[in-house]
Amino acid sequence: MAIERIVPGTVEWEAFYANHICRYQFAKDKISEFNSINVLDVACGVGYGSFFLGANKLLKITAVDRSNEALSIARENFIRENVQFIEDDCHTLQKASVSAPFDCIVSFETLEHLPQPELFIKCCYNNLKQGGKLMISTPNQLVSSPDGQLNWEFHEKEYTVEELIGILSSTGFRNISVWGQQMTMIGKMRDQFRAELNKVNSNPFMRMGRKIQQLFKGYKFSAVLPEQAEDFEIAAYNEPDEITRLGKSGPFVLIAICEKP
């Protein structure tokens, strides 16, 4: 799993951008398929995903995040005429609701951070038009924390596919389809090779050499074998039970698309 918030100009951006933007490419295709125009991007972070979606000039995109620091980066780097960045709390979506009802709401890697996830899902439901779509992703608990031990500091809870479907259906969403982001064969090969390179880089003599270079030459290190677009795919799972059976071998991110009836 990639680092959670990536910022332009950092090693993390270079290393993990392909992982993150893969989900927005999926969203872009689905938004076009749904003929959506008025779109809400919840927990947009520094805004690169909203910017990516906004390449379609027909869309009106409201992008919200509770972090003023993240939104400052967004306004500096990812401005488009059809993208509006707003500081808002996803538990209420009070400011975003001015632009409701939305045709589609996108929220990637948000649910696991929330102390009141049901409230967030209900807010999404209330701000969609009838027939509107919610597109949401969250780490697959069977991959990210199979032993039940959360490995990310700011995660409140990670979800199985059954739990994700349950929280959506209990709120009133219907026609729930499940997808999974996973590594392609070439992605798995590159990931294994990257792991070997990182073993070399973790050698204390290598670390000392890098530190000396940084101190005396001002050398800035690049990411080790950055992830590429072809490393990832998003596949449909007609039977959610299949994800459960795959366990740790399943997709590392769950994506659900559902509809407000």
C-alpha atoms as a PDB file:
ATOM      1  CA  MET A   1       0.000   0.000   0.000  1.00  0.00           C
ATOM      2  CA  ALA A   2       1.316   3.451  -0.899  1.00  0.00           C
ATOM      3  CA  ILE A   3       1.792   6.345   1.468  1.00  0.00           C
ATOM      4  CA  GLU A   4      -1.550   8.031   2.133  1.00  0.00           C
ATOM      5  CA  ARG A   5      -1.016  11.680   1.165  1.00  0.00           C
ATOM      6  CA  ILE A   6       1.432  12.519  -1.582  1.00  0.00           C
ATOM      7  CA  VAL A   7       2.607  16.049  -2.350  1.00  0.00           C
ATOM      8  CA  PRO A   8       4.100  17.334  -5.621  1.00  0.00           C
ATOM      9  CA  GLY A   9       7.872  17.669  -5.633  1.00  0.00           C
ATOM     10  CA  THR A  10       8.498  14.948  -3.038  1.00  0.00           C
ATOM     11  CA  VAL A  11      10.047  11.508  -3.359  1.00  0.00           C
ATOM     12  CA  GLU A  12       6.710  10.044  -2.261  1.00  0.00           C
ATOM     13  CA  TRP A  13       4.978  11.759  -5.176  1.00  0.00           C
ATOM     14  CA  GLU A  14       7.465  10.260  -7.599  1.00  0.00           C
ATOM     15  CA  ALA A  15       7.166   6.831  -6.004  1.00  0.00           C
ATOM     16  CA  PHE A  16       3.399   6.473  -5.528  1.00  0.00           C
ATOM     17  CA  TYR A  17       1.567   8.800  -7.917  1.00  0.00           C
ATOM     18  CA  ALA A  18       0.689   5.962 -10.308  1.00  0.00           C
ATOM     19  CA  ASN A  19      -0.918   3.990  -7.468  1.00  0.00           C
ATOM     20  CA  HIS A  20      -3.175   6.876  -6.457  1.00  0.00           C
ATOM     21  CA  ILE A  21      -4.105   8.245  -9.872  1.00  0.00           C
ATOM     22  CA  CYS A  22      -5.165   4.768 -11.005  1.00  0.00           C
ATOM     23  CA  ARG A  23      -8.353   5.159  -8.942  1.00  0.00           C
ATOM     24  CA  TYR A  24      -9.105   8.559 -10.438  1.00  0.00           C
ATOM     25  CA  GLN A  25      -8.635   7.173 -13.944  1.00  0.00           C
ATOM     26  CA  PHE A  26     -11.236   4.562 -13.029  1.00  0.00           C
ATOM     27  CA  ALA A  27     -13.513   7.307 -11.671  1.00  0.00           C
ATOM     28  CA  LYS A  28     -13.052   9.398 -14.801  1.00  0.00           C
ATOM     29  CA  ASP A  29     -14.194   6.518 -17.001  1.00  0.00           C
ATOM     30  CA  LYS A  30     -17.198   5.738 -14.792  1.00  0.00           C
ATOM     31  CA  ILE A  31     -18.278   9.381 -14.532  1.00  0.00           C
ATOM     32  CA  SER A  32     -18.302   9.520 -18.323  1.00  0.00           C
ATOM     33  CA  GLU A  33     -20.265   6.261 -18.470  1.00  0.00           C
ATOM     34  CA  PHE A  34     -22.843   7.636 -16.008  1.00  0.00           C
ATOM     35  CA  ASN A  35     -23.139  10.943 -17.915  1.00  0.00           C
ATOM     36  CA  SER A  36     -22.512  12.763 -14.644  1.00  0.00           C
ATOM     37  CA  ILE A  37     -21.918  16.507 -14.673  1.00  0.00           C
ATOM     38  CA  ASN A  38     -22.104  17.770 -11.091  1.00  0.00           C
ATOM     39  CA  VAL A  39     -19.402  15.862  -9.162  1.00  0.00           C
ATOM     40  CA  LEU A  40     -18.251  16.018  -5.532  1.00  0.00           C
ATOM     41  CA  ASP A  41     -14.763  14.798  -4.589  1.00  0.00           C
ATOM     42  CA  VAL A  42     -14.710  14.226  -0.816  1.00  0.00           C
ATOM     43  CA  ALA A  43     -11.367  14.226   1.039  1.00  0.00           C
ATOM     44  CA  CYS A  44      -9.578  15.486  -2.054  1.00  0.00           C
ATOM     45  CA  GLY A  45      -6.269  16.003  -0.251  1.00  0.00           C
ATOM     46  CA  VAL A  46      -3.894  18.192  -2.260  1.00  0.00           C
ATOM     47  CA  GLY A  47      -6.271  18.127  -5.211  1.00  0.00           C
ATOM     48  CA  TYR A  48      -4.481  16.235  -7.978  1.00  0.00           C
ATOM     49  CA  GLY A  49      -7.413  13.829  -8.395  1.00  0.00           C
ATOM     50  CA  SER A  50      -9.956  16.645  -8.702  1.00  0.00           C
ATOM     51  CA  PHE A  51      -7.639  18.315 -11.214  1.00  0.00           C
ATOM     52  CA  PHE A  52      -7.401  15.063 -13.168  1.00  0.00           C
ATOM     53  CA  LEU A  53     -11.194  14.710 -13.313  1.00  0.00           C
ATOM     54  CA  GLY A  54     -11.533  18.367 -14.256  1.00  0.00           C
ATOM     55  CA  ALA A  55      -9.744  17.774 -17.555  1.00  0.00           C
ATOM     56  CA  ASN A  56     -13.280  17.119 -18.776  1.00  0.00           C
ATOM     57  CA  LYS A  57     -14.442  20.735 -19.116  1.00  0.00           C
ATOM     58  CA  LEU A  58     -18.095  19.663 -19.068  1.00  0.00           C
ATOM     59  CA  LEU A  59     -17.824  18.661 -15.425  1.00  0.00           C
ATOM     60  CA  LYS A  60     -18.474  20.905 -12.455  1.00  0.00           C
ATOM     61  CA  ILE A  61     -16.315  19.602  -9.608  1.00  0.00           C
ATOM     62  CA  THR A  62     -16.617  20.539  -5.960  1.00  0.00           C
ATOM     63  CA  ALA A  63     -13.579  19.259  -4.059  1.00  0.00           C
ATOM     64  CA  VAL A  64     -13.576  19.268  -0.261  1.00  0.00           C
ATOM     65  CA  ASP A  65     -11.065  18.453   2.452  1.00  0.00           C
ATOM     66  CA  ARG A  66     -10.849  19.387   6.124  1.00  0.00           C
ATOM     67  CA  SER A  67      -7.123  20.204   5.898  1.00  0.00           C
ATOM     68  CA  ASN A  68      -6.441  23.836   5.076  1.00  0.00           C
ATOM     69  CA  GLU A  69      -2.778  22.913   4.539  1.00  0.00           C
ATOM     70  CA  ALA A  70      -3.713  20.356   1.863  1.00  0.00           C
ATOM     71  CA  LEU A  71      -6.099  22.786   0.171  1.00  0.00           C
ATOM     72  CA  SER A  72      -3.384  25.465   0.075  1.00  0.00           C
ATOM     73  CA  ILE A  73      -1.239  23.058  -1.934  1.00  0.00           C
ATOM     74  CA  ALA A  74      -4.243  22.272  -4.135  1.00  0.00           C
ATOM     75  CA  ARG A  75      -4.906  25.938  -4.891  1.00  0.00           C
ATOM     76  CA  GLU A  76      -1.248  26.496  -5.686  1.00  0.00           C
ATOM     77  CA  ASN A  77      -0.783  23.495  -7.977  1.00  0.00           C
ATOM     78  CA  PHE A  78      -4.106  22.202  -9.288  1.00  0.00           C
ATOM     79  CA  ILE A  79      -6.349  25.076 -10.320  1.00  0.00           C
ATOM     80  CA  ARG A  80      -8.965  24.661 -13.037  1.00  0.00           C
ATOM     81  CA  GLU A  81     -11.913  26.889 -13.849  1.00  0.00           C
ATOM     82  CA  ASN A  82     -14.345  24.016 -13.317  1.00  0.00           C
ATOM     83  CA  VAL A  83     -12.852  22.843  -9.989  1.00  0.00           C
ATOM     84  CA  GLN A  84     -13.742  24.545  -6.696  1.00  0.00           C
ATOM     85  CA  PHE A  85     -11.780  23.691  -3.532  1.00  0.00           C
ATOM     86  CA  ILE A  86     -13.652  24.065  -0.212  1.00  0.00           C
ATOM     87  CA  GLU A  87     -12.605  23.410   3.376  1.00  0.00           C
ATOM     88  CA  ASP A  88     -15.345  21.185   4.796  1.00  0.00           C
ATOM     89  CA  ASP A  89     -15.923  18.264   7.158  1.00  0.00           C
ATOM     90  CA  CYS A  90     -17.017  15.068   5.425  1.00  0.00           C
ATOM     91  CA  HIS A  91     -19.141  14.171   8.462  1.00  0.00           C
ATOM     92  CA  THR A  92     -21.424  17.098   7.609  1.00  0.00           C
ATOM     93  CA  LEU A  93     -20.618  18.299   4.061  1.00  0.00           C
ATOM     94  CA  GLN A  94     -22.318  21.496   5.149  1.00  0.00           C
ATOM     95  CA  LYS A  95     -20.506  23.815   2.733  1.00  0.00           C
ATOM     96  CA  ALA A  96     -20.483  21.337  -0.141  1.00  0.00           C
ATOM     97  CA  SER A  97     -24.240  20.860   0.137  1.00  0.00           C
ATOM     98  CA  VAL A  98     -24.739  24.330  -1.382  1.00  0.00           C
ATOM     99  CA  SER A  99     -23.863  22.741  -4.746  1.00  0.00           C
ATOM    100  CA  ALA A 100     -26.037  19.648  -4.194  1.00  0.00           C
ATOM    101  CA  PRO A 101     -27.667  17.518  -5.400  1.00  0.00           C
ATOM    102  CA  PHE A 102     -24.710  15.820  -7.060  1.00  0.00           C
ATOM    103  CA  ASP A 103     -24.802  13.372  -9.937  1.00  0.00           C
ATOM    104  CA  CYS A 104     -21.800  11.511  -8.546  1.00  0.00           C
ATOM    105  CA  ILE A 105     -19.754  11.577  -5.345  1.00  0.00           C
ATOM    106  CA  VAL A 106     -16.191  10.256  -5.354  1.00  0.00           C
ATOM    107  CA  SER A 107     -14.334   9.527  -2.121  1.00  0.00           C
ATOM    108  CA  PHE A 108     -11.141   7.518  -2.176  1.00  0.00           C
ATOM    109  CA  GLU A 109      -9.333   6.247   0.936  1.00  0.00           C
ATOM    110  CA  THR A 110     -11.563   8.169   3.347  1.00  0.00           C
ATOM    111  CA  LEU A 111     -13.778   5.700   5.179  1.00  0.00           C
ATOM    112  CA  GLU A 112     -10.970   4.090   7.179  1.00  0.00           C
ATOM    113  CA  HIS A 113     -10.055   7.455   8.768  1.00  0.00           C
ATOM    114  CA  LEU A 114     -13.479   8.271  10.159  1.00  0.00           C
ATOM    115  CA  PRO A 115     -14.713   7.863  13.741  1.00  0.00           C
ATOM    116  CA  GLN A 116     -18.302   8.100  12.461  1.00  0.00           C
ATOM    117  CA  PRO A 117     -18.318   6.378   9.059  1.00  0.00           C
ATOM    118  CA  GLU A 118     -22.096   5.861   9.022  1.00  0.00           C
ATOM    119  CA  LEU A 119     -22.607   9.619   9.347  1.00  0.00           C
ATOM    120  CA  PHE A 120     -20.329  10.237   6.381  1.00  0.00           C
ATOM    121  CA  ILE A 121     -22.117   7.679   4.188  1.00  0.00           C
ATOM    122  CA  LYS A 122     -25.477   9.183   5.150  1.00  0.00           C
ATOM    123  CA  CYS A 123     -24.230  12.655   4.202  1.00  0.00           C
ATOM    124  CA  CYS A 124     -23.206  11.322   0.807  1.00  0.00           C
ATOM    125  CA  TYR A 125     -26.634   9.740   0.385  1.00  0.00           C
ATOM    126  CA  ASN A 126     -28.428  12.963   1.287  1.00  0.00           C
ATOM    127  CA  ASN A 127     -26.351  15.039  -1.138  1.00  0.00           C
ATOM    128  CA  LEU A 128     -26.927  12.820  -4.170  1.00  0.00           C
ATOM    129  CA  LYS A 129     -29.774  13.219  -6.602  1.00  0.00           C
ATOM    130  CA  GLN A 130     -32.126  10.277  -7.077  1.00  0.00           C
ATOM    131  CA  GLY A 131     -30.247   7.796  -9.239  1.00  0.00           C
ATOM    132  CA  GLY A 132     -26.937   9.438  -8.294  1.00  0.00           C
ATOM    133  CA  LYS A 133     -23.834   7.326  -7.782  1.00  0.00           C
ATOM    134  CA  LEU A 134     -21.371   7.041  -4.912  1.00  0.00           C
ATOM    135  CA  MET A 135     -17.890   5.765  -5.786  1.00  0.00           C
ATOM    136  CA  ILE A 136     -15.849   4.928  -2.692  1.00  0.00           C
ATOM    137  CA  SER A 137     -12.609   3.089  -1.949  1.00  0.00           C
ATOM    138  CA  THR A 138     -10.959   1.766   1.187  1.00  0.00           C
ATOM    139  CA  PRO A 139      -8.077  -0.626   1.975  1.00  0.00           C
ATOM    140  CA  ASN A 140      -8.950  -4.318   1.936  1.00  0.00           C
ATOM    141  CA  GLN A 141      -8.620  -5.348   5.578  1.00  0.00           C
ATOM    142  CA  LEU A 142      -7.667  -8.906   4.584  1.00  0.00           C
ATOM    143  CA  VAL A 143      -4.561  -7.486   2.885  1.00  0.00           C
ATOM    144  CA  SER A 144      -3.669  -4.404   4.925  1.00  0.00           C
ATOM    145  CA  SER A 145      -4.344  -5.738   8.433  1.00  0.00           C
ATOM    146  CA  PRO A 146      -5.114  -9.481   8.216  1.00  0.00           C
ATOM    147  CA  ASP A 147      -4.182 -10.011  11.871  1.00  0.00           C
ATOM    148  CA  GLY A 148      -6.475  -7.186  12.984  1.00  0.00           C
ATOM    149  CA  GLN A 149      -3.550  -4.929  13.869  1.00  0.00           C
ATOM    150  CA  LEU A 150      -3.823  -1.545  12.139  1.00  0.00           C
ATOM    151  CA  ASN A 151      -0.542  -0.522  10.528  1.00  0.00           C
ATOM    152  CA  TRP A 152      -1.465   3.073   9.733  1.00  0.00           C
ATOM    153  CA  GLU A 153      -1.471   5.680  12.497  1.00  0.00           C
ATOM    154  CA  PHE A 154      -4.540   7.578  11.330  1.00  0.00           C
ATOM    155  CA  HIS A 155      -6.798   4.645  10.495  1.00  0.00           C
ATOM    156  CA  GLU A 156      -9.805   4.161  12.762  1.00  0.00           C
ATOM    157  CA  LYS A 157     -10.948   0.916  11.139  1.00  0.00           C
ATOM    158  CA  GLU A 158     -10.244  -1.134   8.027  1.00  0.00           C
ATOM    159  CA  TYR A 159     -13.001  -3.014   6.228  1.00  0.00           C
ATOM    160  CA  THR A 160     -13.674  -6.380   4.693  1.00  0.00           C
ATOM    161  CA  VAL A 161     -15.745  -6.441   1.519  1.00  0.00           C
ATOM    162  CA  GLU A 162     -18.747  -7.690   3.516  1.00  0.00           C
ATOM    163  CA  GLU A 163     -18.437  -4.784   5.957  1.00  0.00           C
ATOM    164  CA  LEU A 164     -18.136  -2.258   3.138  1.00  0.00           C
ATOM    165  CA  ILE A 165     -21.256  -3.575   1.409  1.00  0.00           C
ATOM    166  CA  GLY A 166     -23.051  -3.683   4.755  1.00  0.00           C
ATOM    167  CA  ILE A 167     -22.437  -0.045   5.650  1.00  0.00           C
ATOM    168  CA  LEU A 168     -23.543   1.099   2.182  1.00  0.00           C
ATOM    169  CA  SER A 169     -26.702  -1.013   2.049  1.00  0.00           C
ATOM    170  CA  SER A 170     -27.717  -0.116   5.615  1.00  0.00           C
ATOM    171  CA  THR A 171     -27.680   3.554   4.624  1.00  0.00           C
ATOM    172  CA  GLY A 172     -30.056   2.904   1.738  1.00  0.00           C
ATOM    173  CA  PHE A 173     -27.721   2.505  -1.238  1.00  0.00           C
ATOM    174  CA  ARG A 174     -28.657  -0.114  -3.825  1.00  0.00           C
ATOM    175  CA  ASN A 175     -27.147  -1.741  -6.932  1.00  0.00           C
ATOM    176  CA  ILE A 176     -23.804  -2.107  -5.179  1.00  0.00           C
ATOM    177  CA  SER A 177     -20.977  -3.354  -7.397  1.00  0.00           C
ATOM    178  CA  VAL A 178     -17.528  -4.206  -6.075  1.00  0.00           C
ATOM    179  CA  TRP A 179     -14.158  -3.708  -7.738  1.00  0.00           C
ATOM    180  CA  GLY A 180     -10.603  -4.229  -6.570  1.00  0.00           C
ATOM    181  CA  GLN A 181      -7.350  -2.419  -7.266  1.00  0.00           C
ATOM    182  CA  GLN A 182      -4.546  -4.922  -7.569  1.00  0.00           C
ATOM    183  CA  MET A 183      -1.093  -5.320  -9.038  1.00  0.00           C
ATOM    184  CA  THR A 184      -0.625  -6.642 -12.538  1.00  0.00           C
ATOM    185  CA  MET A 185       1.947  -9.332 -13.201  1.00  0.00           C
ATOM    186  CA  ILE A 186       4.531  -6.756 -14.212  1.00  0.00           C
ATOM    187  CA  GLY A 187       3.649  -4.742 -11.125  1.00  0.00           C
ATOM    188  CA  LYS A 188       4.265  -7.741  -8.884  1.00  0.00           C
ATOM    189  CA  MET A 189       7.623  -8.362 -10.545  1.00  0.00           C
ATOM    190  CA  ARG A 190       8.631  -4.730 -10.154  1.00  0.00           C
ATOM    191  CA  ASP A 191       7.487  -4.758  -6.520  1.00  0.00           C
ATOM    192  CA  GLN A 192       9.643  -7.809  -5.760  1.00  0.00           C
ATOM    193  CA  PHE A 193      12.627  -6.195  -7.435  1.00  0.00           C
ATOM    194  CA  ARG A 194      11.984  -2.967  -5.497  1.00  0.00           C
ATOM    195  CA  ALA A 195      11.941  -4.920  -2.233  1.00  0.00           C
ATOM    196  CA  GLU A 196      15.375  -6.343  -3.054  1.00  0.00           C
ATOM    197  CA  LEU A 197      16.718  -2.879  -3.863  1.00  0.00           C
ATOM    198  CA  ASN A 198      15.355  -1.556  -0.583  1.00  0.00           C
ATOM    199  CA  LYS A 199      17.203  -4.314   1.277  1.00  0.00           C
ATOM    200  CA  VAL A 200      20.412  -3.047  -0.271  1.00  0.00           C
ATOM    201  CA  ASN A 201      19.534   0.557   0.572  1.00  0.00           C
ATOM    202  CA  SER A 202      18.821  -0.365   4.190  1.00  0.00           C
ATOM    203  CA  ASN A 203      22.398  -1.577   4.641  1.00  0.00           C
ATOM    204  CA  PRO A 204      24.029   0.715   7.259  1.00  0.00           C
ATOM    205  CA  PHE A 205      27.040   1.371   5.046  1.00  0.00           C
ATOM    206  CA  MET A 206      24.744   2.443   2.209  1.00  0.00           C
ATOM    207  CA  ARG A 207      22.833   4.723   4.576  1.00  0.00           C
ATOM    208  CA  MET A 208      26.081   6.294   5.793  1.00  0.00           C
ATOM    209  CA  GLY A 209      27.222   6.871   2.230  1.00  0.00           C
ATOM    210  CA  ARG A 210      23.938   8.536   1.302  1.00  0.00           C
ATOM    211  CA  LYS A 211      24.119  10.777   4.375  1.00  0.00           C
ATOM    212  CA  ILE A 212      27.621  11.903   3.458  1.00  0.00           C
ATOM    213  CA  GLN A 213      26.465  12.682  -0.070  1.00  0.00           C
ATOM    214  CA  GLN A 214      23.546  14.696   1.244  1.00  0.00           C
ATOM    215  CA  LEU A 215      25.704  16.694   3.635  1.00  0.00           C
ATOM    216  CA  PHE A 216      28.587  17.513   1.334  1.00  0.00           C
ATOM    217  CA  LYS A 217      27.168  17.408  -2.175  1.00  0.00           C
ATOM    218  CA  GLY A 218      23.553  18.423  -1.670  1.00  0.00           C
ATOM    219  CA  TYR A 219      22.471  15.365  -3.616  1.00  0.00           C
ATOM    220  CA  LYS A 220      18.736  14.687  -3.685  1.00  0.00           C
ATOM    221  CA  PHE A 221      17.821  11.027  -3.952  1.00  0.00           C
ATOM    222  CA  SER A 222      15.044   9.802  -6.198  1.00  0.00           C
ATOM    223  CA  ALA A 223      12.478   7.113  -5.468  1.00  0.00           C
ATOM    224  CA  VAL A 224      13.634   3.540  -5.847  1.00  0.00           C
ATOM    225  CA  LEU A 225      11.969   2.101  -8.954  1.00  0.00           C
ATOM    226  CA  PRO A 226       8.829   4.309  -8.913  1.00  0.00           C
ATOM    227  CA  GLU A 227       5.474   2.649  -9.506  1.00  0.00           C
ATOM    228  CA  GLN A 228       4.136   2.889 -13.049  1.00  0.00           C
ATOM    229  CA  ALA A 229       0.623   2.987 -14.515  1.00  0.00           C
ATOM    230  CA  GLU A 230       0.994  -0.521 -15.928  1.00  0.00           C
ATOM    231  CA  ASP A 231       1.707  -1.868 -12.427  1.00  0.00           C
ATOM    232  CA  PHE A 232      -1.991  -1.638 -11.493  1.00  0.00           C
ATOM    233  CA  GLU A 233      -5.389  -2.729 -12.675  1.00  0.00           C
ATOM    234  CA  ILE A 234      -8.917  -2.378 -11.328  1.00  0.00           C
ATOM    235  CA  ALA A 235     -10.987  -5.517 -11.792  1.00  0.00           C
ATOM    236  CA  ALA A 236     -14.673  -6.205 -11.232  1.00  0.00           C
ATOM    237  CA  TYR A 237     -15.682  -8.900  -8.745  1.00  0.00           C
ATOM    238  CA  ASN A 238     -19.148 -10.190  -9.558  1.00  0.00           C
ATOM    239  CA  GLU A 239     -19.079 -12.319  -6.420  1.00  0.00           C
ATOM    240  CA  PRO A 240     -17.706 -10.383  -3.414  1.00  0.00           C
ATOM    241  CA  ASP A 241     -17.119 -13.728  -1.689  1.00  0.00           C
ATOM    242  CA  GLU A 242     -14.269 -14.246  -4.139  1.00  0.00           C
ATOM    243  CA  ILE A 243     -12.359 -11.388  -2.483  1.00  0.00           C
ATOM    244  CA  THR A 244     -12.835 -13.045   0.886  1.00  0.00           C
ATOM    245  CA  ARG A 245     -11.588 -16.375  -0.441  1.00  0.00           C
ATOM    246  CA  LEU A 246      -8.499 -14.730  -1.907  1.00  0.00           C
ATOM    247  CA  GLY A 247      -7.542 -13.366   1.523  1.00  0.00           C
ATOM    248  CA  LYS A 248      -4.103 -11.745   1.518  1.00  0.00           C
ATOM    249  CA  SER A 249      -3.773 -12.520  -2.194  1.00  0.00           C
ATOM    250  CA  GLY A 250      -6.770 -10.356  -3.046  1.00  0.00           C
ATOM    251  CA  PRO A 251      -6.919  -6.721  -4.172  1.00  0.00           C
ATOM    252  CA  PHE A 252      -5.252  -4.298  -1.773  1.00  0.00           C
ATOM    253  CA  VAL A 253      -7.973  -1.670  -2.271  1.00  0.00           C
ATOM    254  CA  LEU A 254     -11.744  -2.236  -2.367  1.00  0.00           C
ATOM    255  CA  ILE A 255     -13.844   0.020  -4.589  1.00  0.00           C
ATOM    256  CA  ALA A 256     -17.622   0.097  -4.424  1.00  0.00           C
ATOM    257  CA  ILE A 257     -20.066   1.854  -6.731  1.00  0.00           C
ATOM    258  CA  CYS A 258     -23.631   2.200  -5.514  1.00  0.00           C
ATOM    259  CA  GLU A 259     -26.789   4.115  -6.339  1.00  0.00           C
ATOM    260  CA  LYS A 260     -29.288   6.221  -4.448  1.00  0.00           C
ATOM    261  CA  PRO A 261     -32.692   4.785  -5.446  1.00  0.00           C
END
